[in-house]
Amino acid sequence: ELACHLLYRGDVQPCEVYAPIAVMKKHLGFVDWSPLGLQHTLSAAVPGGDLPALTRACAAFSQTTAVTEAFRRVSSQYRLLYEKRAFVHWLVGEGIESGELGQNRDNLDALCDAYRDLAGMGDASEEAEADEE
């Protein structure tokens, strides 16, 4: 995991939140360079919001390197479509320049590489910790 934020709504007491968070921090293994790997927010109600009143609810927002595989698949499919020039005429007709499509492909590849590097860094830090023990 890179980072996670838990948003609790409703009748939730702080003492009910701290124990599960401690367990999650212990077992999930957040990256070292993120000082606040896991955060939480307690909210009884959203002022002026249109959300229905709930007894209890929790939403988790997480950033993880697990999306690397999804990015890789999208990049692969995008590359195939771009090589066949499929739908390029439609995109150009919508106002996108042909050169931007190549840049988008490169940006997607760079994003995949960045997440792959982060995933590799996590593995290396876990191996270093195992060596220290």
C-alpha atoms as a PDB file:
ATOM      1  CA  GLU A   1       0.000   0.000   0.000  1.00  0.00           C
ATOM      2  CA  LEU A   2       1.148   3.532  -0.678  1.00  0.00           C
ATOM      3  CA  ALA A   3      -1.486   5.386   1.354  1.00  0.00           C
ATOM      4  CA  CYS A   4      -4.994   4.897   2.682  1.00  0.00           C
ATOM      5  CA  HIS A   5      -7.661   7.175   4.123  1.00  0.00           C
ATOM      6  CA  LEU A   6     -10.722   5.886   5.985  1.00  0.00           C
ATOM      7  CA  LEU A   7     -13.777   8.141   6.132  1.00  0.00           C
ATOM      8  CA  TYR A   8     -16.167   7.144   8.903  1.00  0.00           C
ATOM      9  CA  ARG A   9     -19.700   8.588   9.017  1.00  0.00           C
ATOM     10  CA  GLY A  10     -22.387   8.224  11.617  1.00  0.00           C
ATOM     11  CA  ASP A  11     -22.320   7.027  15.206  1.00  0.00           C
ATOM     12  CA  VAL A  12     -18.664   5.955  15.371  1.00  0.00           C
ATOM     13  CA  GLN A  13     -16.566   6.583  18.464  1.00  0.00           C
ATOM     14  CA  PRO A  14     -12.815   7.274  18.141  1.00  0.00           C
ATOM     15  CA  CYS A  15     -11.938   4.323  20.387  1.00  0.00           C
ATOM     16  CA  GLU A  16     -13.722   2.018  17.907  1.00  0.00           C
ATOM     17  CA  VAL A  17     -11.490   3.280  15.113  1.00  0.00           C
ATOM     18  CA  TYR A  18      -8.016   3.212  16.661  1.00  0.00           C
ATOM     19  CA  ALA A  19      -7.727  -0.549  17.268  1.00  0.00           C
ATOM     20  CA  PRO A  20      -8.569  -1.599  13.678  1.00  0.00           C
ATOM     21  CA  ILE A  21      -6.227   1.103  12.332  1.00  0.00           C
ATOM     22  CA  ALA A  22      -3.364  -0.225  14.477  1.00  0.00           C
ATOM     23  CA  VAL A  23      -3.981  -3.736  13.109  1.00  0.00           C
ATOM     24  CA  MET A  24      -4.101  -2.451   9.532  1.00  0.00           C
ATOM     25  CA  LYS A  25      -0.854  -0.481   9.937  1.00  0.00           C
ATOM     26  CA  LYS A  26       0.833  -3.588  11.308  1.00  0.00           C
ATOM     27  CA  HIS A  27      -0.333  -6.007   8.594  1.00  0.00           C
ATOM     28  CA  LEU A  28      -0.614  -3.908   5.420  1.00  0.00           C
ATOM     29  CA  GLY A  29       2.989  -2.695   5.273  1.00  0.00           C
ATOM     30  CA  PHE A  30       2.867   0.884   4.030  1.00  0.00           C
ATOM     31  CA  VAL A  31       5.870   2.371   2.250  1.00  0.00           C
ATOM     32  CA  ASP A  32       8.520   3.930   4.506  1.00  0.00           C
ATOM     33  CA  TRP A  33       8.626   7.304   2.764  1.00  0.00           C
ATOM     34  CA  SER A  34       4.961   8.077   3.449  1.00  0.00           C
ATOM     35  CA  PRO A  35       4.844   9.493   7.006  1.00  0.00           C
ATOM     36  CA  LEU A  36       1.059   9.193   7.292  1.00  0.00           C
ATOM     37  CA  GLY A  37       0.405   5.956   5.437  1.00  0.00           C
ATOM     38  CA  LEU A  38      -3.012   5.498   7.032  1.00  0.00           C
ATOM     39  CA  GLN A  39      -5.301   8.360   7.998  1.00  0.00           C
ATOM     40  CA  HIS A  40      -8.890   8.550   9.181  1.00  0.00           C
ATOM     41  CA  THR A  41     -11.708  11.072   9.491  1.00  0.00           C
ATOM     42  CA  LEU A  42     -14.768  10.897  11.735  1.00  0.00           C
ATOM     43  CA  SER A  43     -17.886  12.771  10.651  1.00  0.00           C
ATOM     44  CA  ALA A  44     -21.319  12.614  12.234  1.00  0.00           C
ATOM     45  CA  ALA A  45     -22.989  14.261   9.234  1.00  0.00           C
ATOM     46  CA  VAL A  46     -22.101  16.262   6.178  1.00  0.00           C
ATOM     47  CA  PRO A  47     -23.362  19.816   6.751  1.00  0.00           C
ATOM     48  CA  GLY A  48     -25.631  20.863   3.918  1.00  0.00           C
ATOM     49  CA  GLY A  49     -25.026  17.550   2.160  1.00  0.00           C
ATOM     50  CA  ASP A  50     -27.621  15.556   0.308  1.00  0.00           C
ATOM     51  CA  LEU A  51     -26.402  12.179   1.579  1.00  0.00           C
ATOM     52  CA  PRO A  52     -28.955  10.135   3.531  1.00  0.00           C
ATOM     53  CA  ALA A  53     -28.542   9.790   7.268  1.00  0.00           C
ATOM     54  CA  LEU A  54     -26.772   6.547   8.133  1.00  0.00           C
ATOM     55  CA  THR A  55     -26.246   4.744  11.396  1.00  0.00           C
ATOM     56  CA  ARG A  56     -22.665   3.870  10.430  1.00  0.00           C
ATOM     57  CA  ALA A  57     -20.618   3.858   7.254  1.00  0.00           C
ATOM     58  CA  CYS A  58     -16.978   3.680   6.250  1.00  0.00           C
ATOM     59  CA  ALA A  59     -15.381   4.481   2.922  1.00  0.00           C
ATOM     60  CA  ALA A  60     -11.762   3.591   2.195  1.00  0.00           C
ATOM     61  CA  PHE A  61      -9.681   5.479  -0.328  1.00  0.00           C
ATOM     62  CA  SER A  62      -6.471   3.693  -1.106  1.00  0.00           C
ATOM     63  CA  GLN A  63      -3.493   4.215  -3.357  1.00  0.00           C
ATOM     64  CA  THR A  64      -1.646   1.003  -4.064  1.00  0.00           C
ATOM     65  CA  THR A  65       0.735  -0.494  -6.576  1.00  0.00           C
ATOM     66  CA  ALA A  66      -1.874  -3.201  -7.284  1.00  0.00           C
ATOM     67  CA  VAL A  67      -3.193  -0.982 -10.089  1.00  0.00           C
ATOM     68  CA  THR A  68       0.039  -1.610 -12.006  1.00  0.00           C
ATOM     69  CA  GLU A  69      -1.435  -4.638 -13.770  1.00  0.00           C
ATOM     70  CA  ALA A  70      -4.559  -2.716 -14.806  1.00  0.00           C
ATOM     71  CA  PHE A  71      -2.410   0.138 -16.165  1.00  0.00           C
ATOM     72  CA  ARG A  72      -0.272  -2.399 -18.044  1.00  0.00           C
ATOM     73  CA  ARG A  73      -3.355  -3.966 -19.694  1.00  0.00           C
ATOM     74  CA  VAL A  74      -4.746  -0.564 -20.685  1.00  0.00           C
ATOM     75  CA  SER A  75      -1.354   0.422 -22.076  1.00  0.00           C
ATOM     76  CA  SER A  76      -1.143  -2.808 -24.083  1.00  0.00           C
ATOM     77  CA  GLN A  77      -4.628  -2.332 -25.533  1.00  0.00           C
ATOM     78  CA  TYR A  78      -3.943   1.333 -26.288  1.00  0.00           C
ATOM     79  CA  ARG A  79      -0.700   0.377 -28.046  1.00  0.00           C
ATOM     80  CA  LEU A  80      -2.526  -2.180 -30.231  1.00  0.00           C
ATOM     81  CA  LEU A  81      -5.226   0.298 -31.209  1.00  0.00           C
ATOM     82  CA  TYR A  82      -2.673   3.021 -31.900  1.00  0.00           C
ATOM     83  CA  GLU A  83      -0.506   0.727 -34.077  1.00  0.00           C
ATOM     84  CA  LYS A  84      -3.570  -0.164 -36.160  1.00  0.00           C
ATOM     85  CA  ARG A  85      -4.540   3.532 -36.197  1.00  0.00           C
ATOM     86  CA  ALA A  86      -7.982   2.424 -35.016  1.00  0.00           C
ATOM     87  CA  PHE A  87     -10.320   5.274 -34.086  1.00  0.00           C
ATOM     88  CA  VAL A  88      -7.609   7.886 -34.822  1.00  0.00           C
ATOM     89  CA  HIS A  89      -9.826   9.519 -37.446  1.00  0.00           C
ATOM     90  CA  TRP A  90     -12.607   9.848 -34.890  1.00  0.00           C
ATOM     91  CA  LEU A  91     -10.304  11.332 -32.217  1.00  0.00           C
ATOM     92  CA  VAL A  92      -8.794  13.787 -34.701  1.00  0.00           C
ATOM     93  CA  GLY A  93     -12.326  14.763 -35.692  1.00  0.00           C
ATOM     94  CA  GLU A  94     -13.033  15.497 -32.019  1.00  0.00           C
ATOM     95  CA  GLY A  95     -10.096  17.926 -31.918  1.00  0.00           C
ATOM     96  CA  ILE A  96      -7.240  15.780 -30.611  1.00  0.00           C
ATOM     97  CA  GLU A  97      -4.042  16.136 -32.590  1.00  0.00           C
ATOM     98  CA  SER A  98      -2.472  12.951 -33.911  1.00  0.00           C
ATOM     99  CA  GLY A  99       0.820  13.726 -32.142  1.00  0.00           C
ATOM    100  CA  GLU A 100      -0.941  13.852 -28.776  1.00  0.00           C
ATOM    101  CA  LEU A 101      -1.954  10.213 -29.158  1.00  0.00           C
ATOM    102  CA  GLY A 102       1.693   9.144 -29.274  1.00  0.00           C
ATOM    103  CA  GLN A 103       2.472  11.316 -26.259  1.00  0.00           C
ATOM    104  CA  ASN A 104      -0.428   9.762 -24.380  1.00  0.00           C
ATOM    105  CA  ARG A 105       0.954   6.314 -25.119  1.00  0.00           C
ATOM    106  CA  ASP A 106       4.359   7.358 -23.782  1.00  0.00           C
ATOM    107  CA  ASN A 107       2.785   8.928 -20.683  1.00  0.00           C
ATOM    108  CA  LEU A 108       0.854   5.745 -19.973  1.00  0.00           C
ATOM    109  CA  ASP A 109       4.026   3.673 -20.332  1.00  0.00           C
ATOM    110  CA  ALA A 110       5.851   6.058 -17.960  1.00  0.00           C
ATOM    111  CA  LEU A 111       3.014   5.698 -15.438  1.00  0.00           C
ATOM    112  CA  CYS A 112       3.273   1.901 -15.636  1.00  0.00           C
ATOM    113  CA  ASP A 113       7.044   2.073 -15.132  1.00  0.00           C
ATOM    114  CA  ALA A 114       6.691   4.406 -12.139  1.00  0.00           C
ATOM    115  CA  TYR A 115       4.238   2.092 -10.374  1.00  0.00           C
ATOM    116  CA  ARG A 116       6.366  -0.933 -11.267  1.00  0.00           C
ATOM    117  CA  ASP A 117       9.396   0.791  -9.709  1.00  0.00           C
ATOM    118  CA  LEU A 118       7.407   1.575  -6.551  1.00  0.00           C
ATOM    119  CA  ALA A 119       6.285  -2.042  -6.321  1.00  0.00           C
ATOM    120  CA  GLY A 120       9.899  -3.144  -6.701  1.00  0.00           C
ATOM    121  CA  MET A 121      11.014  -0.715  -3.999  1.00  0.00           C
ATOM    122  CA  GLY A 122       8.476  -2.210  -1.607  1.00  0.00           C
ATOM    123  CA  ASP A 123       9.809  -5.703  -2.280  1.00  0.00           C
ATOM    124  CA  ALA A 124      13.397  -4.532  -1.751  1.00  0.00           C
ATOM    125  CA  SER A 125      12.563  -2.885   1.602  1.00  0.00           C
ATOM    126  CA  GLU A 126      10.789  -6.041   2.778  1.00  0.00           C
ATOM    127  CA  GLU A 127      13.836  -8.117   1.831  1.00  0.00           C
ATOM    128  CA  ALA A 128      16.119  -5.680   3.693  1.00  0.00           C
ATOM    129  CA  GLU A 129      13.943  -5.949   6.807  1.00  0.00           C
ATOM    130  CA  ALA A 130      14.039  -9.751   6.580  1.00  0.00           C
ATOM    131  CA  ASP A 131      17.854  -9.641   6.302  1.00  0.00           C
ATOM    132  CA  GLU A 132      18.082  -7.453   9.420  1.00  0.00           C
ATOM    133  CA  GLU A 133      16.068  -9.957  11.470  1.00  0.00           C
END
